[in-house]
PDB file of all heavy atoms in Angstrom:
ATOM      1  N   ARG A   1     165.308 -71.995 -57.973  1.00  0.00           N
ATOM      2  CA  ARG A   1     165.624 -73.098 -58.980  1.00  0.00           C
ATOM      3  C   ARG A   1     167.084 -73.493 -58.613  1.00  0.00           C
ATOM      4  O   ARG A   1     167.831 -72.791 -58.015  1.00  0.00           O
ATOM      5  CB  ARG A   1     165.503 -72.660 -60.449  1.00  0.00           C
ATOM      6  CG  ARG A   1     166.575 -71.668 -60.938  1.00  0.00           C
ATOM      7  CD  ARG A   1     166.636 -71.720 -62.373  1.00  0.00           C
ATOM      8  NE  ARG A   1     167.531 -70.710 -62.984  1.00  0.00           N
ATOM      9  CZ  ARG A   1     168.796 -70.737 -63.015  1.00  0.00           C
ATOM     10  NH1 ARG A   1     169.543 -71.741 -62.446  1.00  0.00           N
ATOM     11  NH2 ARG A   1     169.516 -69.697 -63.633  1.00  0.00           N
ATOM     12  N   PRO A   2     167.463 -74.706 -59.086  1.00  0.00           N
ATOM     13  CA  PRO A   2     168.844 -75.131 -58.857  1.00  0.00           C
ATOM     14  C   PRO A   2     169.821 -74.244 -59.601  1.00  0.00           C
ATOM     15  O   PRO A   2     169.467 -73.598 -60.613  1.00  0.00           O
ATOM     16  CB  PRO A   2     168.882 -76.575 -59.397  1.00  0.00           C
ATOM     17  CG  PRO A   2     167.455 -76.946 -59.628  1.00  0.00           C
ATOM     18  CD  PRO A   2     166.733 -75.695 -59.796  1.00  0.00           C
ATOM     19  N   VAL A   3     171.028 -74.064 -59.023  1.00  0.00           N
ATOM     20  CA  VAL A   3     172.100 -73.308 -59.735  1.00  0.00           C
ATOM     21  C   VAL A   3     173.013 -74.255 -60.382  1.00  0.00           C
ATOM     22  O   VAL A   3     173.312 -75.372 -59.860  1.00  0.00           O
ATOM     23  CB  VAL A   3     172.767 -72.314 -58.814  1.00  0.00           C
ATOM     24  CG1 VAL A   3     171.799 -71.215 -58.402  1.00  0.00           C
ATOM     25  CG2 VAL A   3     173.390 -72.978 -57.618  1.00  0.00           C
ATOM     26  N   VAL A   4     173.589 -73.861 -61.497  1.00  0.00           N
ATOM     27  CA  VAL A   4     174.582 -74.636 -62.209  1.00  0.00           C
ATOM     28  C   VAL A   4     175.949 -74.013 -62.201  1.00  0.00           C
ATOM     29  O   VAL A   4     176.030 -72.788 -62.505  1.00  0.00           O
ATOM     30  CB  VAL A   4     174.169 -74.875 -63.701  1.00  0.00           C
ATOM     31  CG1 VAL A   4     175.159 -75.670 -64.463  1.00  0.00           C
ATOM     32  CG2 VAL A   4     172.777 -75.532 -63.751  1.00  0.00           C
ATOM     33  N   LEU A   5     176.963 -74.682 -61.819  1.00  0.00           N
ATOM     34  CA  LEU A   5     178.279 -74.104 -61.595  1.00  0.00           C
ATOM     35  C   LEU A   5     179.368 -75.000 -62.336  1.00  0.00           C
ATOM     36  O   LEU A   5     179.251 -76.206 -62.284  1.00  0.00           O
ATOM     37  CB  LEU A   5     178.623 -74.007 -60.124  1.00  0.00           C
ATOM     38  CG  LEU A   5     177.634 -73.213 -59.274  1.00  0.00           C
ATOM     39  CD1 LEU A   5     177.968 -73.342 -57.826  1.00  0.00           C
ATOM     40  CD2 LEU A   5     177.694 -71.739 -59.692  1.00  0.00           C
ATOM     41  N   ILE A   6     180.350 -74.328 -62.884  1.00  0.00           N
ATOM     42  CA  ILE A   6     181.448 -75.026 -63.533  1.00  0.00           C
ATOM     43  C   ILE A   6     182.800 -74.494 -63.008  1.00  0.00           C
ATOM     44  O   ILE A   6     182.956 -73.281 -63.004  1.00  0.00           O
ATOM     45  CB  ILE A   6     181.397 -74.848 -65.102  1.00  0.00           C
ATOM     46  CG1 ILE A   6     180.040 -75.370 -65.640  1.00  0.00           C
ATOM     47  CG2 ILE A   6     182.532 -75.587 -65.705  1.00  0.00           C
ATOM     48  CD1 ILE A   6     179.813 -75.023 -67.107  1.00  0.00           C
ATOM     49  N   ASP A   7     183.684 -75.422 -62.529  1.00  0.00           N
ATOM     50  CA  ASP A   7     184.895 -74.900 -61.880  1.00  0.00           C
ATOM     51  C   ASP A   7     185.976 -75.949 -61.985  1.00  0.00           C
ATOM     52  O   ASP A   7     185.668 -77.062 -62.550  1.00  0.00           O
ATOM     53  CB  ASP A   7     184.597 -74.578 -60.389  1.00  0.00           C
ATOM     54  CG  ASP A   7     185.472 -73.428 -59.894  1.00  0.00           C
ATOM     55  OD1 ASP A   7     186.612 -73.254 -60.350  1.00  0.00           O
ATOM     56  OD2 ASP A   7     185.087 -72.756 -58.919  1.00  0.00           O
ATOM     57  N   GLU A   8     187.092 -75.641 -61.482  1.00  0.00           N
ATOM     58  CA  GLU A   8     188.286 -76.504 -61.558  1.00  0.00           C
ATOM     59  C   GLU A   8     188.565 -76.993 -62.931  1.00  0.00           C
ATOM     60  O   GLU A   8     188.348 -78.110 -63.311  1.00  0.00           O
ATOM     61  CB  GLU A   8     188.120 -77.720 -60.575  1.00  0.00           C
ATOM     62  CG  GLU A   8     188.365 -77.409 -59.115  1.00  0.00           C
ATOM     63  CD  GLU A   8     188.455 -78.591 -58.311  1.00  0.00           C
ATOM     64  OE1 GLU A   8     187.748 -79.560 -58.491  1.00  0.00           O
ATOM     65  OE2 GLU A   8     189.255 -78.570 -57.309  1.00  0.00           O
ATOM     66  N   LEU A   9     189.093 -76.078 -63.742  1.00  0.00           N
ATOM     67  CA  LEU A   9     189.218 -76.310 -65.154  1.00  0.00           C
ATOM     68  C   LEU A   9     190.688 -76.471 -65.569  1.00  0.00           C
ATOM     69  O   LEU A   9     191.589 -75.847 -64.987  1.00  0.00           O
ATOM     70  CB  LEU A   9     188.519 -75.174 -65.903  1.00  0.00           C
ATOM     71  CG  LEU A   9     187.056 -74.933 -65.624  1.00  0.00           C
ATOM     72  CD1 LEU A   9     186.576 -73.673 -66.352  1.00  0.00           C
ATOM     73  CD2 LEU A   9     186.280 -76.166 -66.076  1.00  0.00           C
ATOM     74  N   PRO A  10     190.939 -77.168 -66.681  1.00  0.00           N
ATOM     75  CA  PRO A  10     192.284 -77.340 -67.241  1.00  0.00           C
ATOM     76  C   PRO A  10     192.617 -76.119 -68.111  1.00  0.00           C
ATOM     77  O   PRO A  10     192.584 -76.144 -69.308  1.00  0.00           O
ATOM     78  CB  PRO A  10     192.254 -78.561 -68.058  1.00  0.00           C
ATOM     79  CG  PRO A  10     190.778 -78.668 -68.582  1.00  0.00           C
ATOM     80  CD  PRO A  10     189.943 -77.998 -67.443  1.00  0.00           C
ATOM     81  N   TRP A  11     192.951 -74.991 -67.427  1.00  0.00           N
ATOM     82  CA  TRP A  11     193.106 -73.687 -68.157  1.00  0.00           C
ATOM     83  C   TRP A  11     194.119 -73.815 -69.276  1.00  0.00           C
ATOM     84  O   TRP A  11     194.010 -73.099 -70.304  1.00  0.00           O
ATOM     85  CB  TRP A  11     193.499 -72.632 -67.174  1.00  0.00           C
ATOM     86  CG  TRP A  11     192.322 -72.282 -66.220  1.00  0.00           C
ATOM     87  CD1 TRP A  11     192.261 -72.592 -64.863  1.00  0.00           C
ATOM     88  CD2 TRP A  11     191.153 -71.614 -66.525  1.00  0.00           C
ATOM     89  NE1 TRP A  11     191.062 -72.105 -64.408  1.00  0.00           N
ATOM     90  CE2 TRP A  11     190.370 -71.504 -65.337  1.00  0.00           C
ATOM     91  CE3 TRP A  11     190.611 -71.054 -67.726  1.00  0.00           C
ATOM     92  CZ2 TRP A  11     189.112 -70.920 -65.299  1.00  0.00           C
ATOM     93  CZ3 TRP A  11     189.443 -70.436 -67.660  1.00  0.00           C
ATOM     94  CH2 TRP A  11     188.629 -70.367 -66.468  1.00  0.00           C
ATOM     95  N   HIS A  12     195.122 -74.643 -69.117  1.00  0.00           N
ATOM     96  CA  HIS A  12     196.163 -74.780 -70.184  1.00  0.00           C
ATOM     97  C   HIS A  12     195.568 -75.347 -71.477  1.00  0.00           C
ATOM     98  O   HIS A  12     196.229 -75.186 -72.513  1.00  0.00           O
ATOM     99  CB  HIS A  12     197.300 -75.657 -69.646  1.00  0.00           C
ATOM    100  CG  HIS A  12     196.908 -77.097 -69.432  1.00  0.00           C
ATOM    101  ND1 HIS A  12     196.093 -77.478 -68.406  1.00  0.00           N
ATOM    102  CD2 HIS A  12     197.228 -78.243 -70.157  1.00  0.00           C
ATOM    103  CE1 HIS A  12     195.973 -78.807 -68.464  1.00  0.00           C
ATOM    104  NE2 HIS A  12     196.601 -79.257 -69.509  1.00  0.00           N
ATOM    105  N   GLU A  13     194.390 -75.999 -71.363  1.00  0.00           N
ATOM    106  CA  GLU A  13     193.804 -76.537 -72.611  1.00  0.00           C
ATOM    107  C   GLU A  13     192.767 -75.573 -73.219  1.00  0.00           C
ATOM    108  O   GLU A  13     192.269 -75.913 -74.266  1.00  0.00           O
ATOM    109  CB  GLU A  13     193.138 -77.875 -72.268  1.00  0.00           C
ATOM    110  CG  GLU A  13     194.054 -78.994 -71.849  1.00  0.00           C
ATOM    111  CD  GLU A  13     193.327 -80.356 -71.688  1.00  0.00           C
ATOM    112  OE1 GLU A  13     192.161 -80.393 -72.120  1.00  0.00           O
ATOM    113  OE2 GLU A  13     193.910 -81.270 -71.140  1.00  0.00           O
ATOM    114  N   LEU A  14     192.473 -74.539 -72.540  1.00  0.00           N
ATOM    115  CA  LEU A  14     191.326 -73.700 -72.978  1.00  0.00           C
ATOM    116  C   LEU A  14     191.732 -72.426 -73.814  1.00  0.00           C
ATOM    117  O   LEU A  14     190.877 -71.756 -74.327  1.00  0.00           O
ATOM    118  CB  LEU A  14     190.494 -73.286 -71.785  1.00  0.00           C
ATOM    119  CG  LEU A  14     190.024 -74.436 -70.869  1.00  0.00           C
ATOM    120  CD1 LEU A  14     189.145 -73.830 -69.776  1.00  0.00           C
ATOM    121  CD2 LEU A  14     189.293 -75.511 -71.659  1.00  0.00           C
ATOM    122  N   ASP A  15     193.021 -72.097 -73.841  1.00  0.00           N
ATOM    123  CA  ASP A  15     193.435 -70.791 -74.372  1.00  0.00           C
ATOM    124  C   ASP A  15     193.669 -70.998 -75.893  1.00  0.00           C
ATOM    125  O   ASP A  15     194.735 -70.948 -76.379  1.00  0.00           O
ATOM    126  CB  ASP A  15     194.717 -70.392 -73.750  1.00  0.00           C
ATOM    127  CG  ASP A  15     195.112 -68.930 -74.081  1.00  0.00           C
ATOM    128  OD1 ASP A  15     194.226 -68.267 -74.595  1.00  0.00           O
ATOM    129  OD2 ASP A  15     196.265 -68.603 -73.901  1.00  0.00           O
ATOM    130  N   ILE A  16     192.567 -71.122 -76.633  1.00  0.00           N
ATOM    131  CA  ILE A  16     192.588 -71.373 -78.040  1.00  0.00           C
ATOM    132  C   ILE A  16     192.923 -70.075 -78.808  1.00  0.00           C
ATOM    133  O   ILE A  16     193.681 -70.079 -79.764  1.00  0.00           O
ATOM    134  CB  ILE A  16     191.316 -71.952 -78.480  1.00  0.00           C
ATOM    135  CG1 ILE A  16     190.999 -73.284 -77.804  1.00  0.00           C
ATOM    136  CG2 ILE A  16     191.335 -72.134 -80.044  1.00  0.00           C
ATOM    137  CD1 ILE A  16     192.075 -74.315 -77.991  1.00  0.00           C
ATOM    138  N   ASN A  17     192.341 -68.971 -78.408  1.00  0.00           N
ATOM    139  CA  ASN A  17     192.478 -67.724 -79.197  1.00  0.00           C
ATOM    140  C   ASN A  17     193.278 -66.652 -78.413  1.00  0.00           C
ATOM    141  O   ASN A  17     193.174 -65.446 -78.806  1.00  0.00           O
ATOM    142  CB  ASN A  17     191.112 -67.178 -79.554  1.00  0.00           C
ATOM    143  CG  ASN A  17     190.205 -67.055 -78.378  1.00  0.00           C
ATOM    144  OD1 ASN A  17     190.619 -67.100 -77.245  1.00  0.00           O
ATOM    145  ND2 ASN A  17     188.886 -66.856 -78.697  1.00  0.00           N
ATOM    146  N   GLY A  18     193.973 -66.977 -77.334  1.00  0.00           N
ATOM    147  CA  GLY A  18     194.797 -66.033 -76.638  1.00  0.00           C
ATOM    148  C   GLY A  18     194.078 -65.225 -75.616  1.00  0.00           C
ATOM    149  O   GLY A  18     194.727 -64.393 -74.864  1.00  0.00           O
ATOM    150  N   GLU A  19     192.816 -65.501 -75.305  1.00  0.00           N
ATOM    151  CA  GLU A  19     192.092 -64.743 -74.251  1.00  0.00           C
ATOM    152  C   GLU A  19     192.606 -65.010 -72.839  1.00  0.00           C
ATOM    153  O   GLU A  19     192.409 -64.220 -71.959  1.00  0.00           O
ATOM    154  CB  GLU A  19     190.666 -65.060 -74.339  1.00  0.00           C
ATOM    155  CG  GLU A  19     189.906 -64.484 -75.621  1.00  0.00           C
ATOM    156  CD  GLU A  19     188.445 -64.904 -75.703  1.00  0.00           C
ATOM    157  OE1 GLU A  19     188.263 -66.083 -76.175  1.00  0.00           O
ATOM    158  OE2 GLU A  19     187.580 -64.178 -75.238  1.00  0.00           O
ATOM    159  N   LEU A  20     193.279 -66.207 -72.678  1.00  0.00           N
ATOM    160  CA  LEU A  20     193.783 -66.483 -71.391  1.00  0.00           C
ATOM    161  C   LEU A  20     195.311 -66.263 -71.237  1.00  0.00           C
ATOM    162  O   LEU A  20     195.860 -66.447 -70.168  1.00  0.00           O
ATOM    163  CB  LEU A  20     193.464 -67.996 -71.071  1.00  0.00           C
ATOM    164  CG  LEU A  20     191.996 -68.313 -70.900  1.00  0.00           C
ATOM    165  CD1 LEU A  20     191.804 -69.848 -70.925  1.00  0.00           C
ATOM    166  CD2 LEU A  20     191.448 -67.676 -69.655  1.00  0.00           C
ATOM    167  N   THR A  21     195.946 -65.833 -72.300  1.00  0.00           N
ATOM    168  CA  THR A  21     197.385 -65.566 -72.289  1.00  0.00           C
ATOM    169  C   THR A  21     197.703 -64.407 -71.459  1.00  0.00           C
ATOM    170  O   THR A  21     197.189 -63.231 -71.580  1.00  0.00           O
ATOM    171  CB  THR A  21     197.903 -65.322 -73.707  1.00  0.00           C
ATOM    172  OG1 THR A  21     197.571 -66.463 -74.494  1.00  0.00           O
ATOM    173  CG2 THR A  21     199.442 -65.157 -73.670  1.00  0.00           C
ATOM    174  N   LEU A  22     198.579 -64.612 -70.396  1.00  0.00           N
ATOM    175  CA  LEU A  22     199.010 -63.561 -69.506  1.00  0.00           C
ATOM    176  C   LEU A  22     200.069 -62.714 -70.169  1.00  0.00           C
ATOM    177  O   LEU A  22     201.017 -63.249 -70.705  1.00  0.00           O
ATOM    178  CB  LEU A  22     199.451 -64.121 -68.184  1.00  0.00           C
ATOM    179  CG  LEU A  22     198.500 -65.017 -67.400  1.00  0.00           C
ATOM    180  CD1 LEU A  22     199.140 -65.548 -66.101  1.00  0.00           C
ATOM    181  CD2 LEU A  22     197.201 -64.229 -67.194  1.00  0.00           C
ATOM    182  N   MET A  23     199.924 -61.410 -70.007  1.00  0.00           N
ATOM    183  CA  MET A  23     200.802 -60.500 -70.651  1.00  0.00           C
ATOM    184  C   MET A  23     201.517 -59.496 -69.711  1.00  0.00           C
ATOM    185  O   MET A  23     202.483 -58.827 -70.037  1.00  0.00           O
ATOM    186  CB  MET A  23     199.985 -59.644 -71.652  1.00  0.00           C
ATOM    187  CG  MET A  23     199.341 -60.502 -72.730  1.00  0.00           C
ATOM    188  SD  MET A  23     198.238 -59.609 -73.749  1.00  0.00           S
ATOM    189  CE  MET A  23     199.273 -58.427 -74.578  1.00  0.00           C
ATOM    190  N   CYS A  24     201.025 -59.435 -68.493  1.00  0.00           N
ATOM    191  CA  CYS A  24     201.694 -58.570 -67.537  1.00  0.00           C
ATOM    192  C   CYS A  24     203.040 -59.047 -67.133  1.00  0.00           C
ATOM    193  O   CYS A  24     203.339 -60.267 -67.177  1.00  0.00           O
ATOM    194  CB  CYS A  24     200.817 -58.457 -66.220  1.00  0.00           C
ATOM    195  SG  CYS A  24     199.344 -57.373 -66.353  1.00  0.00           S
ATOM    196  N   GLN A  25     203.953 -58.132 -66.749  1.00  0.00           N
ATOM    197  CA  GLN A  25     205.375 -58.512 -66.442  1.00  0.00           C
ATOM    198  C   GLN A  25     205.462 -58.744 -64.880  1.00  0.00           C
ATOM    199  O   GLN A  25     206.164 -59.629 -64.485  1.00  0.00           O
ATOM    200  CB  GLN A  25     206.293 -57.445 -66.916  1.00  0.00           C
ATOM    201  CG  GLN A  25     206.290 -57.249 -68.418  1.00  0.00           C
ATOM    202  CD  GLN A  25     206.745 -58.533 -69.159  1.00  0.00           C
ATOM    203  OE1 GLN A  25     207.754 -59.162 -68.826  1.00  0.00           O
ATOM    204  NE2 GLN A  25     205.876 -58.897 -70.084  1.00  0.00           N
ATOM    205  N   ASP A  26     204.820 -57.898 -64.075  1.00  0.00           N
ATOM    206  CA  ASP A  26     204.926 -57.990 -62.665  1.00  0.00           C
ATOM    207  C   ASP A  26     204.287 -59.333 -62.219  1.00  0.00           C
ATOM    208  O   ASP A  26     203.154 -59.617 -62.593  1.00  0.00           O
ATOM    209  CB  ASP A  26     204.199 -56.838 -62.002  1.00  0.00           C
ATOM    210  CG  ASP A  26     204.325 -56.870 -60.473  1.00  0.00           C
ATOM    211  OD1 ASP A  26     203.425 -57.494 -59.882  1.00  0.00           O
ATOM    212  OD2 ASP A  26     205.213 -56.272 -59.954  1.00  0.00           O
ATOM    213  N   PRO A  27     205.005 -60.138 -61.360  1.00  0.00           N
ATOM    214  CA  PRO A  27     204.494 -61.463 -61.019  1.00  0.00           C
ATOM    215  C   PRO A  27     203.150 -61.345 -60.254  1.00  0.00           C
ATOM    216  O   PRO A  27     202.285 -62.174 -60.499  1.00  0.00           O
ATOM    217  CB  PRO A  27     205.606 -61.953 -60.051  1.00  0.00           C
ATOM    218  CG  PRO A  27     206.835 -61.249 -60.428  1.00  0.00           C
ATOM    219  CD  PRO A  27     206.370 -59.934 -60.885  1.00  0.00           C
ATOM    220  N   TYR A  28     202.981 -60.425 -59.380  1.00  0.00           N
ATOM    221  CA  TYR A  28     201.693 -60.336 -58.690  1.00  0.00           C
ATOM    222  C   TYR A  28     200.584 -59.820 -59.565  1.00  0.00           C
ATOM    223  O   TYR A  28     199.458 -60.336 -59.549  1.00  0.00           O
ATOM    224  CB  TYR A  28     201.726 -59.473 -57.382  1.00  0.00           C
ATOM    225  CG  TYR A  28     200.397 -59.448 -56.718  1.00  0.00           C
ATOM    226  CD1 TYR A  28     199.951 -60.601 -56.113  1.00  0.00           C
ATOM    227  CD2 TYR A  28     199.580 -58.342 -56.721  1.00  0.00           C
ATOM    228  CE1 TYR A  28     198.689 -60.687 -55.570  1.00  0.00           C
ATOM    229  CE2 TYR A  28     198.271 -58.385 -56.199  1.00  0.00           C
ATOM    230  CZ  TYR A  28     197.893 -59.553 -55.577  1.00  0.00           C
ATOM    231  OH  TYR A  28     196.573 -59.619 -55.014  1.00  0.00           O
ATOM    232  N   LEU A  29     200.896 -58.888 -60.401  1.00  0.00           N
ATOM    233  CA  LEU A  29     199.880 -58.356 -61.376  1.00  0.00           C
ATOM    234  C   LEU A  29     199.451 -59.420 -62.342  1.00  0.00           C
ATOM    235  O   LEU A  29     198.258 -59.455 -62.793  1.00  0.00           O
ATOM    236  CB  LEU A  29     200.391 -57.140 -62.078  1.00  0.00           C
ATOM    237  CG  LEU A  29     200.625 -55.905 -61.225  1.00  0.00           C
ATOM    238  CD1 LEU A  29     201.120 -54.698 -62.090  1.00  0.00           C
ATOM    239  CD2 LEU A  29     199.351 -55.547 -60.461  1.00  0.00           C
ATOM    240  N   ARG A  30     200.287 -60.387 -62.630  1.00  0.00           N
ATOM    241  CA  ARG A  30     199.878 -61.552 -63.425  1.00  0.00           C
ATOM    242  C   ARG A  30     198.812 -62.399 -62.811  1.00  0.00           C
ATOM    243  O   ARG A  30     197.973 -62.925 -63.410  1.00  0.00           O
ATOM    244  CB  ARG A  30     201.071 -62.394 -63.791  1.00  0.00           C
ATOM    245  CG  ARG A  30     202.023 -61.761 -64.828  1.00  0.00           C
ATOM    246  CD  ARG A  30     203.343 -62.553 -64.961  1.00  0.00           C
ATOM    247  NE  ARG A  30     203.076 -63.848 -65.617  1.00  0.00           N
ATOM    248  CZ  ARG A  30     203.120 -64.061 -66.948  1.00  0.00           C
ATOM    249  NH1 ARG A  30     203.299 -63.001 -67.761  1.00  0.00           N
ATOM    250  NH2 ARG A  30     202.922 -65.258 -67.455  1.00  0.00           N
TER     251      ARG A  30
END
């Protein structure tokens, strides 16, 4: 069957509840 894919997103608009908020301090680990 066909596959459905979603990509190239405006991540800065999607972090409503903090799930995308980066918390690590090390630049690469972020």
